[in-house]
């Protein structure tokens, strides 16, 4: 196994142990579906709110002028993913997500933003 795969194993084991199966499947399905074709950029206040978290701040700096589009994309995809879960499964997923360190949270945001 490569070093990257070895680094991901504990993360994926935690995901598999904590997040309900239906929520995991909805997350995998969303990642497979890919980004939306057209998206209205997020407002400045939405970008500012996103940047108020450690992971969000890191990504807004990384994305620069594309930040508003990327924030809108990840929020739309997160909503679409959550809509495909029961309330209980969504709560399980977001509880797990809210307890992530900034780096893995940012990696997930990056994937959702496309």
C-alpha atoms as a PDB file:
ATOM      1  CA  UNK A   1       0.000   0.000   0.000  1.00  0.00           C
ATOM      2  CA  UNK A   2       1.103   3.520  -0.665  1.00  0.00           C
ATOM      3  CA  UNK A   3       1.605   6.013   2.136  1.00  0.00           C
ATOM      4  CA  UNK A   4      -1.503   7.997   1.081  1.00  0.00           C
ATOM      5  CA  UNK A   5      -3.693   4.918   1.337  1.00  0.00           C
ATOM      6  CA  UNK A   6      -2.245   4.025   4.723  1.00  0.00           C
ATOM      7  CA  UNK A   7      -2.957   7.564   5.935  1.00  0.00           C
ATOM      8  CA  UNK A   8      -6.584   7.268   4.790  1.00  0.00           C
ATOM      9  CA  UNK A   9      -7.294   3.942   6.535  1.00  0.00           C
ATOM     10  CA  UNK A  10      -7.977   5.320  10.047  1.00  0.00           C
ATOM     11  CA  UNK A  11     -10.174   8.052   8.564  1.00  0.00           C
ATOM     12  CA  UNK A  12     -12.208   5.582   6.523  1.00  0.00           C
ATOM     13  CA  UNK A  13     -12.478   3.135   9.429  1.00  0.00           C
ATOM     14  CA  UNK A  14     -13.861   5.941  11.604  1.00  0.00           C
ATOM     15  CA  UNK A  15     -16.287   6.933   8.859  1.00  0.00           C
ATOM     16  CA  UNK A  16     -17.464   3.339   8.510  1.00  0.00           C
ATOM     17  CA  UNK A  17     -17.832   2.843  12.258  1.00  0.00           C
ATOM     18  CA  UNK A  18     -19.614   6.084  13.129  1.00  0.00           C
ATOM     19  CA  UNK A  19     -21.679   7.148  10.118  1.00  0.00           C
ATOM     20  CA  UNK A  20     -24.876   5.160   9.456  1.00  0.00           C
ATOM     21  CA  UNK A  21     -24.787   2.951   6.342  1.00  0.00           C
ATOM     22  CA  UNK A  22     -27.534   4.879   4.522  1.00  0.00           C
ATOM     23  CA  UNK A  23     -25.669   8.146   5.112  1.00  0.00           C
ATOM     24  CA  UNK A  24     -22.404   6.629   3.857  1.00  0.00           C
ATOM     25  CA  UNK A  25     -24.146   5.413   0.709  1.00  0.00           C
ATOM     26  CA  UNK A  26     -25.704   8.855   0.128  1.00  0.00           C
ATOM     27  CA  UNK A  27     -22.261  10.455   0.526  1.00  0.00           C
ATOM     28  CA  UNK A  28     -20.649   8.004  -1.903  1.00  0.00           C
ATOM     29  CA  UNK A  29     -23.508   8.533  -4.362  1.00  0.00           C
ATOM     30  CA  UNK A  30     -23.069  12.311  -4.223  1.00  0.00           C
ATOM     31  CA  UNK A  31     -19.344  12.055  -4.848  1.00  0.00           C
ATOM     32  CA  UNK A  32     -20.048   9.802  -7.830  1.00  0.00           C
ATOM     33  CA  UNK A  33     -22.667  12.184  -9.269  1.00  0.00           C
ATOM     34  CA  UNK A  34     -20.152  14.998  -9.527  1.00  0.00           C
ATOM     35  CA  UNK A  35     -20.583  18.752  -9.524  1.00  0.00           C
ATOM     36  CA  UNK A  36     -23.650  20.559 -10.779  1.00  0.00           C
ATOM     37  CA  UNK A  37     -23.485  21.968 -14.294  1.00  0.00           C
ATOM     38  CA  UNK A  38     -24.587  25.495 -13.411  1.00  0.00           C
ATOM     39  CA  UNK A  39     -24.506  27.248 -10.065  1.00  0.00           C
ATOM     40  CA  UNK A  40     -25.205  30.771  -8.842  1.00  0.00           C
ATOM     41  CA  UNK A  41     -22.214  32.008  -6.815  1.00  0.00           C
ATOM     42  CA  UNK A  42     -22.665  32.342  -3.065  1.00  0.00           C
ATOM     43  CA  UNK A  43     -23.188  35.807  -1.650  1.00  0.00           C
ATOM     44  CA  UNK A  44     -20.364  37.612   0.115  1.00  0.00           C
ATOM     45  CA  UNK A  45     -22.087  36.955   3.457  1.00  0.00           C
ATOM     46  CA  UNK A  46     -22.296  33.205   2.698  1.00  0.00           C
ATOM     47  CA  UNK A  47     -18.601  33.115   1.818  1.00  0.00           C
ATOM     48  CA  UNK A  48     -17.784  35.062   4.990  1.00  0.00           C
ATOM     49  CA  UNK A  49     -19.829  32.606   7.084  1.00  0.00           C
ATOM     50  CA  UNK A  50     -18.075  29.639   5.460  1.00  0.00           C
ATOM     51  CA  UNK A  51     -14.689  31.278   6.075  1.00  0.00           C
ATOM     52  CA  UNK A  52     -15.509  31.625   9.775  1.00  0.00           C
ATOM     53  CA  UNK A  53     -14.561  27.948  10.269  1.00  0.00           C
ATOM     54  CA  UNK A  54     -10.934  26.775  10.176  1.00  0.00           C
ATOM     55  CA  UNK A  55     -11.502  24.526   7.134  1.00  0.00           C
ATOM     56  CA  UNK A  56     -13.570  27.188   5.397  1.00  0.00           C
ATOM     57  CA  UNK A  57     -10.957  29.873   5.982  1.00  0.00           C
ATOM     58  CA  UNK A  58      -8.257  27.615   4.515  1.00  0.00           C
ATOM     59  CA  UNK A  59     -10.323  26.904   1.404  1.00  0.00           C
ATOM     60  CA  UNK A  60     -11.515  30.464   0.771  1.00  0.00           C
ATOM     61  CA  UNK A  61      -7.861  31.530   0.769  1.00  0.00           C
ATOM     62  CA  UNK A  62      -6.982  28.627  -1.539  1.00  0.00           C
ATOM     63  CA  UNK A  63      -9.856  29.285  -3.957  1.00  0.00           C
ATOM     64  CA  UNK A  64      -9.315  33.039  -4.222  1.00  0.00           C
ATOM     65  CA  UNK A  65     -11.693  34.669  -6.713  1.00  0.00           C
ATOM     66  CA  UNK A  66     -13.435  31.315  -7.378  1.00  0.00           C
ATOM     67  CA  UNK A  67     -14.473  31.122  -3.702  1.00  0.00           C
ATOM     68  CA  UNK A  68     -18.080  32.238  -4.191  1.00  0.00           C
ATOM     69  CA  UNK A  69     -18.686  29.630  -6.881  1.00  0.00           C
ATOM     70  CA  UNK A  70     -16.959  26.881  -4.896  1.00  0.00           C
ATOM     71  CA  UNK A  71     -18.889  27.660  -1.698  1.00  0.00           C
ATOM     72  CA  UNK A  72     -22.160  27.592  -3.627  1.00  0.00           C
ATOM     73  CA  UNK A  73     -21.229  24.278  -5.262  1.00  0.00           C
ATOM     74  CA  UNK A  74     -20.298  22.520  -2.037  1.00  0.00           C
ATOM     75  CA  UNK A  75     -23.384  23.842  -0.226  1.00  0.00           C
ATOM     76  CA  UNK A  76     -25.657  22.699  -3.066  1.00  0.00           C
ATOM     77  CA  UNK A  77     -24.065  19.273  -3.173  1.00  0.00           C
ATOM     78  CA  UNK A  78     -24.162  18.929   0.622  1.00  0.00           C
ATOM     79  CA  UNK A  79     -27.863  19.796   0.550  1.00  0.00           C
ATOM     80  CA  UNK A  80     -28.502  17.317  -2.266  1.00  0.00           C
ATOM     81  CA  UNK A  81     -26.628  14.633  -0.321  1.00  0.00           C
ATOM     82  CA  UNK A  82     -28.522  15.400   2.903  1.00  0.00           C
ATOM     83  CA  UNK A  83     -31.839  15.320   1.024  1.00  0.00           C
ATOM     84  CA  UNK A  84     -31.063  11.695   0.157  1.00  0.00           C
ATOM     85  CA  UNK A  85     -30.783  10.716   3.846  1.00  0.00           C
ATOM     86  CA  UNK A  86     -33.311  10.247   6.599  1.00  0.00           C
ATOM     87  CA  UNK A  87     -33.157  12.899   9.328  1.00  0.00           C
ATOM     88  CA  UNK A  88     -31.527  10.390  11.686  1.00  0.00           C
ATOM     89  CA  UNK A  89     -28.883   9.412   9.126  1.00  0.00           C
ATOM     90  CA  UNK A  90     -28.206  13.051   8.256  1.00  0.00           C
ATOM     91  CA  UNK A  91     -27.789  13.853  11.952  1.00  0.00           C
ATOM     92  CA  UNK A  92     -25.296  10.976  12.261  1.00  0.00           C
ATOM     93  CA  UNK A  93     -23.323  12.146   9.244  1.00  0.00           C
ATOM     94  CA  UNK A  94     -23.181  15.821  10.252  1.00  0.00           C
ATOM     95  CA  UNK A  95     -22.333  14.968  13.877  1.00  0.00           C
ATOM     96  CA  UNK A  96     -19.385  12.926  12.595  1.00  0.00           C
ATOM     97  CA  UNK A  97     -18.409  15.685  10.165  1.00  0.00           C
ATOM     98  CA  UNK A  98     -18.602  18.445  12.789  1.00  0.00           C
ATOM     99  CA  UNK A  99     -16.050  16.569  14.897  1.00  0.00           C
ATOM    100  CA  UNK A 100     -13.427  16.322  12.139  1.00  0.00           C
ATOM    101  CA  UNK A 101     -10.157  18.196  12.290  1.00  0.00           C
ATOM    102  CA  UNK A 102      -9.885  21.051   9.767  1.00  0.00           C
ATOM    103  CA  UNK A 103      -7.689  19.173   7.249  1.00  0.00           C
ATOM    104  CA  UNK A 104     -10.035  16.216   6.648  1.00  0.00           C
ATOM    105  CA  UNK A 105     -13.057  18.537   6.673  1.00  0.00           C
ATOM    106  CA  UNK A 106     -11.353  20.689   4.039  1.00  0.00           C
ATOM    107  CA  UNK A 107     -10.608  17.604   1.932  1.00  0.00           C
ATOM    108  CA  UNK A 108     -14.286  16.667   1.941  1.00  0.00           C
ATOM    109  CA  UNK A 109     -15.307  20.242   1.137  1.00  0.00           C
ATOM    110  CA  UNK A 110     -12.808  20.241  -1.740  1.00  0.00           C
ATOM    111  CA  UNK A 111     -14.394  17.094  -3.189  1.00  0.00           C
ATOM    112  CA  UNK A 112     -17.909  18.509  -2.892  1.00  0.00           C
ATOM    113  CA  UNK A 113     -16.859  21.804  -4.455  1.00  0.00           C
ATOM    114  CA  UNK A 114     -15.614  19.917  -7.507  1.00  0.00           C
END
